[in-house]
Amino acid sequence: MPQIRQSLGAMGVWAPIGIILLRGVSIVLPALPSTAYSLAAGALLGFKTGFLTIVFTDILACSLAFCLARQFGRGPVRRLVGGKAMSVVERFSGSKVESNFFLMTGLLMTGFFDFVSYGLGIAGTPLKRFLPALFLSVFMSDLPIVALGAGIFDSGKSTLVAAVVGVFILAFIQSMARQRFSLLNRSDNLKI
């Protein structure tokens, strides 16, 4: 691992730019898994550089997804993400998640954050309501995942323990947000 980090260090800014491009594409095209890039950023770039790289990428890519959906609507988003992914986006756009800041933030912390960003854009959520939820969710959800990646390959056991605890806390928050979202969807379906 030290040799890999040394080689990446010799690449200069190109290593973080490569991760930014890969993770950014995996968010804008949500069919691709993106969590692996957070782990890789921590492992390959170290915690500080990896965390800053992933936070920057997530804020940029999720904002892009939100703005594309808000500006152009369902048709172009469907062509971009595909029909199967669009059904997930539709669930988030029609659920009135934007009316509950904490639920919106919690859902942005899940593995569906890219779909949620598109859905909130389609739903017409104001940017000033979306951005604070995005910033809070990105900082809270990226921290333990990048730390886990950094801790696995570093000898710092305290970083690894903190990352594992953070991942469990994140999983709990995600579970609560998904339960609330499911309850919200069920109550909306009962009204119809």
N, C-alpha and C. Protein backbone atom coordinates (compact mmCIF):
# COMPACT_ATOMS: atom_id res chain seq x y z
N MET A 1 0.81 -1.21 0.00
CA MET A 1 0.00 0.00 0.00
C MET A 1 0.85 1.27 0.00
N PRO A 2 1.94 1.31 0.77
CA PRO A 2 2.76 2.53 0.72
C PRO A 2 3.29 2.83 -0.69
N GLN A 3 3.62 1.79 -1.45
CA GLN A 3 4.10 2.01 -2.82
C GLN A 3 3.00 2.59 -3.70
N ILE A 4 1.77 2.10 -3.51
CA ILE A 4 0.64 2.62 -4.30
C ILE A 4 0.41 4.09 -3.96
N ARG A 5 0.41 4.40 -2.66
CA ARG A 5 0.22 5.80 -2.26
C ARG A 5 1.35 6.68 -2.78
N GLN A 6 2.56 6.17 -2.78
CA GLN A 6 3.70 6.94 -3.29
C GLN A 6 3.52 7.18 -4.79
N SER A 7 3.07 6.17 -5.52
CA SER A 7 2.83 6.34 -6.96
C SER A 7 1.72 7.35 -7.21
N LEU A 8 0.66 7.27 -6.40
CA LEU A 8 -0.43 8.23 -6.55
C LEU A 8 0.04 9.64 -6.19
N GLY A 9 0.90 9.74 -5.17
CA GLY A 9 1.45 11.04 -4.81
C GLY A 9 2.24 11.65 -5.94
N ALA A 10 2.93 10.79 -6.70
CA ALA A 10 3.70 11.27 -7.85
C ALA A 10 2.79 11.77 -8.97
N MET A 11 1.55 11.30 -8.97
CA MET A 11 0.59 11.75 -9.99
C MET A 11 0.08 13.16 -9.72
N GLY A 12 0.30 13.65 -8.52
CA GLY A 12 -0.15 15.00 -8.18
C GLY A 12 -1.67 15.07 -8.10
N VAL A 13 -2.23 16.11 -8.70
CA VAL A 13 -3.68 16.31 -8.63
C VAL A 13 -4.45 15.34 -9.51
N TRP A 14 -3.76 14.58 -10.35
CA TRP A 14 -4.46 13.68 -11.27
C TRP A 14 -5.13 12.52 -10.54
N ALA A 15 -4.59 12.07 -9.43
CA ALA A 15 -5.22 10.98 -8.68
C ALA A 15 -6.58 11.42 -8.12
N PRO A 16 -6.65 12.56 -7.40
CA PRO A 16 -7.97 13.00 -6.94
C PRO A 16 -8.92 13.33 -8.11
N ILE A 17 -8.39 13.89 -9.18
CA ILE A 17 -9.25 14.21 -10.33
C ILE A 17 -9.83 12.93 -10.93
N GLY A 18 -9.03 11.87 -10.99
CA GLY A 18 -9.53 10.59 -11.48
C GLY A 18 -10.67 10.06 -10.62
N ILE A 19 -10.50 10.16 -9.30
CA ILE A 19 -11.56 9.70 -8.39
C ILE A 19 -12.79 10.60 -8.51
N ILE A 20 -12.58 11.91 -8.66
CA ILE A 20 -13.70 12.84 -8.85
C ILE A 20 -14.50 12.46 -10.10
N LEU A 21 -13.81 12.18 -11.18
CA LEU A 21 -14.51 11.82 -12.42
C LEU A 21 -15.26 10.50 -12.28
N LEU A 22 -14.61 9.49 -11.72
CA LEU A 22 -15.26 8.18 -11.57
C LEU A 22 -16.47 8.26 -10.64
N ARG A 23 -16.30 8.88 -9.50
CA ARG A 23 -17.42 8.99 -8.54
C ARG A 23 -18.51 9.89 -9.10
N GLY A 24 -18.13 10.99 -9.74
CA GLY A 24 -19.12 11.91 -10.31
C GLY A 24 -19.99 11.23 -11.35
N VAL A 25 -19.37 10.46 -12.24
CA VAL A 25 -20.13 9.74 -13.26
C VAL A 25 -21.04 8.70 -12.60
N SER A 26 -20.56 8.05 -11.53
CA SER A 26 -21.38 7.04 -10.86
C SER A 26 -22.58 7.64 -10.13
N ILE A 27 -22.54 8.93 -9.85
CA ILE A 27 -23.67 9.62 -9.23
C ILE A 27 -24.64 10.11 -10.30
N VAL A 28 -24.13 10.73 -11.33
CA VAL A 28 -25.00 11.26 -12.39
C VAL A 28 -25.66 10.13 -13.17
N LEU A 29 -24.97 9.02 -13.33
CA LEU A 29 -25.53 7.81 -13.94
C LEU A 29 -25.69 6.78 -12.82
N PRO A 30 -26.80 6.83 -12.08
CA PRO A 30 -26.89 6.08 -10.83
C PRO A 30 -26.94 4.56 -10.95
N ALA A 31 -26.78 4.02 -12.12
CA ALA A 31 -26.74 2.56 -12.25
C ALA A 31 -25.39 2.02 -11.79
N LEU A 32 -24.40 2.88 -11.69
CA LEU A 32 -23.06 2.46 -11.30
C LEU A 32 -22.88 2.60 -9.79
N PRO A 33 -22.25 1.64 -9.12
CA PRO A 33 -22.03 1.76 -7.67
C PRO A 33 -21.00 2.85 -7.36
N SER A 34 -21.23 3.58 -6.27
CA SER A 34 -20.34 4.69 -5.98
C SER A 34 -19.63 4.59 -4.63
N THR A 35 -20.11 3.78 -3.72
CA THR A 35 -19.50 3.69 -2.40
C THR A 35 -18.06 3.19 -2.47
N ALA A 36 -17.78 2.34 -3.41
CA ALA A 36 -16.42 1.81 -3.55
C ALA A 36 -15.41 2.94 -3.76
N TYR A 37 -15.82 4.01 -4.43
CA TYR A 37 -14.91 5.13 -4.66
C TYR A 37 -14.61 5.88 -3.38
N SER A 38 -15.55 5.92 -2.45
CA SER A 38 -15.28 6.55 -1.14
C SER A 38 -14.25 5.75 -0.37
N LEU A 39 -14.42 4.43 -0.36
CA LEU A 39 -13.45 3.57 0.31
C LEU A 39 -12.08 3.69 -0.36
N ALA A 40 -12.08 3.68 -1.69
CA ALA A 40 -10.81 3.79 -2.43
C ALA A 40 -10.13 5.13 -2.18
N ALA A 41 -10.92 6.20 -2.11
CA ALA A 41 -10.34 7.52 -1.86
C ALA A 41 -9.62 7.55 -0.51
N GLY A 42 -10.26 6.98 0.51
CA GLY A 42 -9.61 6.93 1.82
C GLY A 42 -8.37 6.06 1.81
N ALA A 43 -8.48 4.91 1.16
CA ALA A 43 -7.36 3.97 1.13
C ALA A 43 -6.19 4.50 0.31
N LEU A 44 -6.49 5.09 -0.83
CA LEU A 44 -5.43 5.50 -1.75
C LEU A 44 -4.89 6.90 -1.51
N LEU A 45 -5.76 7.80 -1.09
CA LEU A 45 -5.35 9.21 -0.92
C LEU A 45 -5.12 9.58 0.54
N GLY A 46 -5.48 8.70 1.46
CA GLY A 46 -5.42 9.06 2.87
C GLY A 46 -6.72 9.73 3.28
N PHE A 47 -6.92 9.85 4.58
CA PHE A 47 -8.21 10.35 5.05
C PHE A 47 -8.49 11.79 4.61
N LYS A 48 -7.59 12.71 4.89
CA LYS A 48 -7.86 14.13 4.65
C LYS A 48 -8.12 14.41 3.16
N THR A 49 -7.20 14.01 2.30
CA THR A 49 -7.35 14.27 0.86
C THR A 49 -8.52 13.48 0.30
N GLY A 50 -8.68 12.23 0.75
CA GLY A 50 -9.79 11.40 0.29
C GLY A 50 -11.13 11.98 0.68
N PHE A 51 -11.25 12.45 1.92
CA PHE A 51 -12.50 13.03 2.40
C PHE A 51 -12.85 14.30 1.62
N LEU A 52 -11.88 15.19 1.47
CA LEU A 52 -12.14 16.43 0.72
C LEU A 52 -12.52 16.14 -0.73
N THR A 53 -11.87 15.14 -1.32
CA THR A 53 -12.17 14.76 -2.70
C THR A 53 -13.59 14.25 -2.83
N ILE A 54 -14.00 13.37 -1.94
CA ILE A 54 -15.34 12.77 -2.01
C ILE A 54 -16.41 13.80 -1.68
N VAL A 55 -16.19 14.63 -0.68
CA VAL A 55 -17.17 15.67 -0.33
C VAL A 55 -17.37 16.62 -1.52
N PHE A 56 -16.29 17.08 -2.10
CA PHE A 56 -16.38 17.97 -3.27
C PHE A 56 -17.16 17.31 -4.39
N THR A 57 -16.83 16.06 -4.68
CA THR A 57 -17.48 15.33 -5.76
C THR A 57 -18.96 15.14 -5.49
N ASP A 58 -19.31 14.73 -4.29
CA ASP A 58 -20.72 14.48 -3.97
C ASP A 58 -21.55 15.75 -4.05
N ILE A 59 -21.03 16.84 -3.53
CA ILE A 59 -21.76 18.10 -3.59
C ILE A 59 -21.93 18.54 -5.04
N LEU A 60 -20.89 18.45 -5.82
CA LEU A 60 -20.95 18.85 -7.22
C LEU A 60 -21.89 17.95 -8.03
N ALA A 61 -21.73 16.64 -7.93
CA ALA A 61 -22.52 15.71 -8.74
C ALA A 61 -23.99 15.67 -8.32
N CYS A 62 -24.26 15.69 -7.03
CA CYS A 62 -25.66 15.70 -6.57
C CYS A 62 -26.34 17.01 -6.94
N SER A 63 -25.62 18.12 -6.86
CA SER A 63 -26.18 19.40 -7.28
C SER A 63 -26.46 19.40 -8.78
N LEU A 64 -25.56 18.79 -9.55
CA LEU A 64 -25.78 18.68 -10.99
C LEU A 64 -27.02 17.84 -11.28
N ALA A 65 -27.15 16.69 -10.62
CA ALA A 65 -28.33 15.83 -10.81
C ALA A 65 -29.60 16.59 -10.44
N PHE A 66 -29.58 17.28 -9.32
CA PHE A 66 -30.74 18.05 -8.87
C PHE A 66 -31.11 19.13 -9.89
N CYS A 67 -30.11 19.89 -10.34
CA CYS A 67 -30.36 20.99 -11.27
C CYS A 67 -30.82 20.48 -12.65
N LEU A 68 -30.24 19.38 -13.11
CA LEU A 68 -30.69 18.80 -14.38
C LEU A 68 -32.17 18.40 -14.29
N ALA A 69 -32.54 17.74 -13.20
CA ALA A 69 -33.92 17.31 -13.03
C ALA A 69 -34.85 18.50 -12.88
N ARG A 70 -34.43 19.48 -12.14
CA ARG A 70 -35.28 20.66 -11.92
C ARG A 70 -35.45 21.47 -13.20
N GLN A 71 -34.38 21.61 -13.96
CA GLN A 71 -34.41 22.42 -15.17
C GLN A 71 -35.11 21.72 -16.33
N PHE A 72 -34.82 20.43 -16.52
CA PHE A 72 -35.29 19.75 -17.73
C PHE A 72 -36.43 18.77 -17.50
N GLY A 73 -36.65 18.34 -16.28
CA GLY A 73 -37.80 17.48 -15.98
C GLY A 73 -37.59 16.01 -16.25
N ARG A 74 -38.70 15.29 -16.25
CA ARG A 74 -38.70 13.83 -16.30
C ARG A 74 -38.12 13.23 -17.58
N GLY A 75 -38.50 13.74 -18.72
CA GLY A 75 -38.09 13.15 -20.00
C GLY A 75 -36.58 13.04 -20.16
N PRO A 76 -35.86 14.14 -20.06
CA PRO A 76 -34.40 14.05 -20.18
C PRO A 76 -33.75 13.21 -19.07
N VAL A 77 -34.29 13.28 -17.86
CA VAL A 77 -33.73 12.48 -16.77
C VAL A 77 -33.94 11.00 -17.08
N ARG A 78 -35.11 10.64 -17.60
CA ARG A 78 -35.37 9.24 -17.95
C ARG A 78 -34.38 8.75 -19.00
N ARG A 79 -34.10 9.58 -20.00
CA ARG A 79 -33.13 9.19 -21.02
C ARG A 79 -31.72 9.05 -20.44
N LEU A 80 -31.41 9.86 -19.46
CA LEU A 80 -30.08 9.84 -18.84
C LEU A 80 -29.89 8.62 -17.93
N VAL A 81 -30.88 8.35 -17.07
CA VAL A 81 -30.71 7.31 -16.06
C VAL A 81 -31.30 5.96 -16.47
N GLY A 82 -32.20 5.95 -17.43
CA GLY A 82 -32.84 4.70 -17.85
C GLY A 82 -34.16 4.48 -17.15
N GLY A 83 -34.97 3.62 -17.73
CA GLY A 83 -36.32 3.38 -17.23
C GLY A 83 -36.38 2.77 -15.84
N LYS A 84 -35.53 1.79 -15.57
CA LYS A 84 -35.54 1.11 -14.27
C LYS A 84 -35.16 2.09 -13.15
N ALA A 85 -34.09 2.84 -13.37
CA ALA A 85 -33.67 3.82 -12.35
C ALA A 85 -34.70 4.93 -12.21
N MET A 86 -35.38 5.26 -13.31
CA MET A 86 -36.37 6.33 -13.26
C MET A 86 -37.54 5.96 -12.35
N SER A 87 -37.88 4.68 -12.25
CA SER A 87 -38.96 4.29 -11.35
C SER A 87 -38.59 4.60 -9.89
N VAL A 88 -37.31 4.45 -9.55
CA VAL A 88 -36.85 4.79 -8.20
C VAL A 88 -36.89 6.31 -8.02
N VAL A 89 -36.45 7.05 -9.02
CA VAL A 89 -36.49 8.52 -8.97
C VAL A 89 -37.93 8.99 -8.77
N GLU A 90 -38.86 8.38 -9.48
CA GLU A 90 -40.28 8.76 -9.38
C GLU A 90 -40.82 8.56 -7.98
N ARG A 91 -40.38 7.48 -7.32
CA ARG A 91 -40.83 7.25 -5.94
C ARG A 91 -40.44 8.41 -5.03
N PHE A 92 -39.23 8.93 -5.23
CA PHE A 92 -38.79 10.03 -4.38
C PHE A 92 -39.41 11.36 -4.80
N SER A 93 -39.67 11.54 -6.08
CA SER A 93 -40.22 12.82 -6.53
C SER A 93 -41.68 12.98 -6.14
N GLY A 94 -42.42 11.89 -6.03
CA GLY A 94 -43.83 11.99 -5.71
C GLY A 94 -44.17 11.79 -4.25
N SER A 95 -43.19 11.74 -3.39
CA SER A 95 -43.45 11.39 -1.99
C SER A 95 -43.50 12.58 -1.04
N LYS A 96 -43.30 13.78 -1.53
CA LYS A 96 -43.32 14.99 -0.70
C LYS A 96 -42.27 14.97 0.40
N VAL A 97 -41.13 14.33 0.12
CA VAL A 97 -40.02 14.26 1.07
C VAL A 97 -39.49 15.66 1.38
N GLU A 98 -39.56 16.55 0.39
CA GLU A 98 -38.99 17.88 0.56
C GLU A 98 -39.66 18.68 1.66
N SER A 99 -40.85 18.27 2.11
CA SER A 99 -41.53 19.00 3.17
C SER A 99 -40.95 18.68 4.55
N ASN A 100 -40.14 17.64 4.66
CA ASN A 100 -39.55 17.26 5.94
C ASN A 100 -38.02 17.29 5.80
N PHE A 101 -37.40 18.33 6.31
CA PHE A 101 -35.96 18.54 6.15
C PHE A 101 -35.15 17.36 6.67
N PHE A 102 -35.51 16.83 7.83
CA PHE A 102 -34.73 15.75 8.42
C PHE A 102 -34.88 14.45 7.65
N LEU A 103 -36.07 14.17 7.15
CA LEU A 103 -36.26 12.99 6.31
C LEU A 103 -35.49 13.14 5.00
N MET A 104 -35.56 14.32 4.41
CA MET A 104 -34.82 14.58 3.18
C MET A 104 -33.32 14.38 3.42
N THR A 105 -32.81 14.92 4.51
CA THR A 105 -31.39 14.77 4.84
C THR A 105 -31.04 13.29 5.07
N GLY A 106 -31.89 12.60 5.81
CA GLY A 106 -31.66 11.19 6.08
C GLY A 106 -31.65 10.36 4.81
N LEU A 107 -32.56 10.63 3.88
CA LEU A 107 -32.59 9.89 2.62
C LEU A 107 -31.38 10.22 1.75
N LEU A 108 -30.89 11.44 1.84
CA LEU A 108 -29.67 11.80 1.10
C LEU A 108 -28.44 11.10 1.69
N MET A 109 -28.56 10.56 2.89
CA MET A 109 -27.46 9.83 3.52
C MET A 109 -27.48 8.35 3.16
N THR A 110 -28.51 7.91 2.46
CA THR A 110 -28.61 6.50 2.10
C THR A 110 -27.87 6.23 0.79
N GLY A 111 -27.86 5.00 0.39
CA GLY A 111 -27.27 4.62 -0.89
C GLY A 111 -28.09 5.10 -2.08
N PHE A 112 -29.26 5.70 -1.81
CA PHE A 112 -30.12 6.22 -2.87
C PHE A 112 -29.94 7.73 -3.06
N PHE A 113 -28.87 8.31 -2.54
CA PHE A 113 -28.71 9.76 -2.57
C PHE A 113 -28.77 10.34 -3.98
N ASP A 114 -28.28 9.60 -4.97
CA ASP A 114 -28.33 10.09 -6.35
C ASP A 114 -29.77 10.11 -6.86
N PHE A 115 -30.55 9.06 -6.56
CA PHE A 115 -31.95 9.02 -6.96
C PHE A 115 -32.75 10.11 -6.24
N VAL A 116 -32.44 10.30 -4.95
CA VAL A 116 -33.13 11.33 -4.16
C VAL A 116 -32.84 12.71 -4.74
N SER A 117 -31.60 12.96 -5.15
CA SER A 117 -31.25 14.26 -5.74
C SER A 117 -32.07 14.52 -7.01
N TYR A 118 -32.16 13.52 -7.88
CA TYR A 118 -32.99 13.66 -9.08
C TYR A 118 -34.46 13.86 -8.70
N GLY A 119 -34.95 13.05 -7.76
CA GLY A 119 -36.35 13.13 -7.36
C GLY A 119 -36.72 14.48 -6.77
N LEU A 120 -35.84 15.02 -5.94
CA LEU A 120 -36.11 16.33 -5.34
C LEU A 120 -36.10 17.43 -6.40
N GLY A 121 -35.24 17.28 -7.41
CA GLY A 121 -35.23 18.25 -8.50
C GLY A 121 -36.51 18.20 -9.30
N ILE A 122 -36.98 17.00 -9.61
CA ILE A 122 -38.24 16.86 -10.35
C ILE A 122 -39.41 17.39 -9.55
N ALA A 123 -39.37 17.18 -8.24
CA ALA A 123 -40.46 17.64 -7.37
C ALA A 123 -40.49 19.16 -7.23
N GLY A 124 -39.46 19.83 -7.71
CA GLY A 124 -39.44 21.29 -7.64
C GLY A 124 -38.97 21.85 -6.31
N THR A 125 -38.23 21.07 -5.56
CA THR A 125 -37.70 21.51 -4.29
C THR A 125 -36.83 22.75 -4.50
N PRO A 126 -37.00 23.78 -3.69
CA PRO A 126 -36.14 24.96 -3.84
C PRO A 126 -34.67 24.62 -3.54
N LEU A 127 -33.77 25.21 -4.30
CA LEU A 127 -32.34 24.96 -4.12
C LEU A 127 -31.90 25.33 -2.71
N LYS A 128 -32.45 26.39 -2.15
CA LYS A 128 -32.05 26.81 -0.80
C LYS A 128 -32.52 25.82 0.27
N ARG A 129 -33.45 24.96 -0.05
CA ARG A 129 -33.86 23.89 0.87
C ARG A 129 -33.03 22.62 0.64
N PHE A 130 -32.67 22.38 -0.61
CA PHE A 130 -31.91 21.18 -0.97
C PHE A 130 -30.46 21.25 -0.51
N LEU A 131 -29.79 22.39 -0.74
CA LEU A 131 -28.35 22.48 -0.46
C LEU A 131 -27.98 22.25 1.00
N PRO A 132 -28.70 22.84 1.98
CA PRO A 132 -28.32 22.54 3.37
C PRO A 132 -28.46 21.06 3.72
N ALA A 133 -29.52 20.42 3.21
CA ALA A 133 -29.70 18.98 3.45
C ALA A 133 -28.57 18.19 2.79
N LEU A 134 -28.19 18.60 1.59
CA LEU A 134 -27.12 17.92 0.87
C LEU A 134 -25.79 18.06 1.62
N PHE A 135 -25.44 19.27 2.02
CA PHE A 135 -24.18 19.50 2.73
C PHE A 135 -24.13 18.68 4.02
N LEU A 136 -25.20 18.73 4.80
CA LEU A 136 -25.23 17.99 6.06
C LEU A 136 -25.11 16.49 5.81
N SER A 137 -25.85 15.98 4.84
CA SER A 137 -25.81 14.54 4.58
C SER A 137 -24.46 14.09 4.04
N VAL A 138 -23.86 14.89 3.18
CA VAL A 138 -22.56 14.53 2.61
C VAL A 138 -21.49 14.45 3.70
N PHE A 139 -21.45 15.45 4.56
CA PHE A 139 -20.43 15.44 5.62
C PHE A 139 -20.65 14.27 6.57
N MET A 140 -21.89 13.99 6.92
CA MET A 140 -22.16 12.93 7.89
C MET A 140 -21.98 11.54 7.29
N SER A 141 -22.33 11.36 6.03
CA SER A 141 -22.27 10.01 5.46
C SER A 141 -20.91 9.69 4.84
N ASP A 142 -20.20 10.68 4.33
CA ASP A 142 -18.91 10.41 3.72
C ASP A 142 -17.80 10.19 4.75
N LEU A 143 -17.90 10.85 5.87
CA LEU A 143 -16.86 10.78 6.90
C LEU A 143 -16.53 9.35 7.32
N PRO A 144 -17.51 8.56 7.76
CA PRO A 144 -17.13 7.20 8.20
C PRO A 144 -16.68 6.28 7.07
N ILE A 145 -17.23 6.46 5.88
CA ILE A 145 -16.86 5.56 4.78
C ILE A 145 -15.42 5.83 4.32
N VAL A 146 -15.06 7.09 4.17
CA VAL A 146 -13.69 7.43 3.78
C VAL A 146 -12.72 7.04 4.90
N ALA A 147 -13.12 7.28 6.14
CA ALA A 147 -12.27 6.90 7.28
C ALA A 147 -12.07 5.39 7.32
N LEU A 148 -13.12 4.65 6.99
CA LEU A 148 -13.00 3.20 6.95
C LEU A 148 -11.98 2.79 5.88
N GLY A 149 -12.05 3.39 4.71
CA GLY A 149 -11.08 3.11 3.65
C GLY A 149 -9.66 3.45 4.08
N ALA A 150 -9.51 4.60 4.74
CA ALA A 150 -8.18 5.01 5.21
C ALA A 150 -7.70 4.11 6.35
N GLY A 151 -8.61 3.73 7.24
CA GLY A 151 -8.23 2.94 8.40
C GLY A 151 -7.85 1.51 8.08
N ILE A 152 -8.44 0.96 7.02
CA ILE A 152 -8.14 -0.42 6.64
C ILE A 152 -6.67 -0.57 6.28
N PHE A 153 -6.13 0.41 5.60
CA PHE A 153 -4.76 0.29 5.11
C PHE A 153 -3.74 1.04 5.95
N ASP A 154 -4.21 1.79 6.92
CA ASP A 154 -3.29 2.46 7.84
C ASP A 154 -3.16 1.61 9.10
N SER A 155 -2.13 1.86 9.83
CA SER A 155 -1.96 1.12 11.07
C SER A 155 -2.72 1.78 12.22
N GLY A 156 -3.40 2.89 11.95
CA GLY A 156 -4.14 3.61 12.98
C GLY A 156 -5.42 2.90 13.36
N LYS A 157 -5.37 2.12 14.44
CA LYS A 157 -6.54 1.36 14.87
C LYS A 157 -7.65 2.27 15.36
N SER A 158 -7.32 3.42 15.93
CA SER A 158 -8.36 4.32 16.44
C SER A 158 -9.19 4.87 15.26
N THR A 159 -8.56 5.15 14.14
CA THR A 159 -9.30 5.61 12.95
C THR A 159 -10.25 4.53 12.48
N LEU A 160 -9.78 3.32 12.45
CA LEU A 160 -10.60 2.20 12.00
C LEU A 160 -11.78 1.97 12.94
N VAL A 161 -11.54 2.00 14.25
CA VAL A 161 -12.62 1.80 15.22
C VAL A 161 -13.64 2.93 15.10
N ALA A 162 -13.17 4.18 15.01
CA ALA A 162 -14.09 5.31 14.86
C ALA A 162 -14.90 5.19 13.57
N ALA A 163 -14.25 4.72 12.51
CA ALA A 163 -14.95 4.56 11.23
C ALA A 163 -16.02 3.49 11.33
N VAL A 164 -15.71 2.38 11.96
CA VAL A 164 -16.69 1.30 12.09
C VAL A 164 -17.88 1.77 12.92
N VAL A 165 -17.62 2.45 14.03
CA VAL A 165 -18.71 3.00 14.85
C VAL A 165 -19.53 3.99 14.02
N GLY A 166 -18.86 4.83 13.26
CA GLY A 166 -19.56 5.79 12.40
C GLY A 166 -20.41 5.11 11.35
N VAL A 167 -19.93 4.03 10.78
CA VAL A 167 -20.70 3.29 9.79
C VAL A 167 -21.96 2.71 10.43
N PHE A 168 -21.84 2.19 11.64
CA PHE A 168 -23.02 1.66 12.32
C PHE A 168 -24.03 2.76 12.63
N ILE A 169 -23.56 3.90 13.06
CA ILE A 169 -24.46 5.04 13.32
C ILE A 169 -25.13 5.47 12.02
N LEU A 170 -24.35 5.54 10.95
CA LEU A 170 -24.89 5.89 9.64
C LEU A 170 -25.95 4.87 9.20
N ALA A 171 -25.69 3.60 9.40
CA ALA A 171 -26.66 2.56 9.03
C ALA A 171 -27.95 2.72 9.83
N PHE A 172 -27.84 3.08 11.10
CA PHE A 172 -29.03 3.31 11.93
C PHE A 172 -29.84 4.49 11.39
N ILE A 173 -29.16 5.59 11.08
CA ILE A 173 -29.84 6.77 10.54
C ILE A 173 -30.51 6.43 9.21
N GLN A 174 -29.81 5.70 8.35
CA GLN A 174 -30.38 5.31 7.07
C GLN A 174 -31.61 4.43 7.25
N SER A 175 -31.55 3.52 8.20
CA SER A 175 -32.69 2.64 8.47
C SER A 175 -33.90 3.44 8.93
N MET A 176 -33.67 4.39 9.80
CA MET A 176 -34.76 5.24 10.29
C MET A 176 -35.36 6.06 9.15
N ALA A 177 -34.52 6.61 8.29
CA ALA A 177 -35.01 7.41 7.16
C ALA A 177 -35.81 6.54 6.19
N ARG A 178 -35.35 5.34 5.92
CA ARG A 178 -36.09 4.44 5.02
C ARG A 178 -37.43 4.04 5.63
N GLN A 179 -37.47 3.80 6.94
CA GLN A 179 -38.74 3.46 7.58
C GLN A 179 -39.72 4.62 7.48
N ARG A 180 -39.23 5.82 7.75
CA ARG A 180 -40.10 7.01 7.66
C ARG A 180 -40.61 7.20 6.24
N PHE A 181 -39.72 6.98 5.27
CA PHE A 181 -40.11 7.13 3.87
C PHE A 181 -41.15 6.09 3.50
N SER A 182 -40.98 4.87 3.96
CA SER A 182 -41.96 3.81 3.69
C SER A 182 -43.31 4.15 4.32
N LEU A 183 -43.30 4.64 5.55
CA LEU A 183 -44.54 5.05 6.21
C LEU A 183 -45.20 6.20 5.46
N LEU A 184 -44.40 7.15 5.00
CA LEU A 184 -44.93 8.28 4.25
C LEU A 184 -45.57 7.80 2.95
N ASN A 185 -44.93 6.89 2.25
CA ASN A 185 -45.48 6.34 1.01
C ASN A 185 -46.76 5.56 1.26
N ARG A 186 -46.78 4.75 2.33
CA ARG A 186 -47.99 3.98 2.63
C ARG A 186 -49.16 4.88 2.97
N SER A 187 -48.92 5.94 3.74
CA SER A 187 -50.02 6.84 4.11
C SER A 187 -50.52 7.61 2.89
N ASP A 188 -49.63 7.96 1.95
CA ASP A 188 -50.05 8.62 0.72
C ASP A 188 -50.88 7.67 -0.15
N ASN A 189 -50.49 6.39 -0.21
CA ASN A 189 -51.23 5.42 -1.00
C ASN A 189 -52.61 5.15 -0.42
N LEU A 190 -52.74 5.21 0.89
CA LEU A 190 -54.04 5.01 1.53
C LEU A 190 -55.01 6.14 1.21
N LYS A 191 -54.48 7.35 1.01
CA LYS A 191 -55.33 8.51 0.72
C LYS A 191 -55.89 8.46 -0.69
N ILE A 192 -55.20 7.75 -1.58
CA ILE A 192 -55.61 7.71 -2.99
C ILE A 192 -56.77 6.82 -3.21
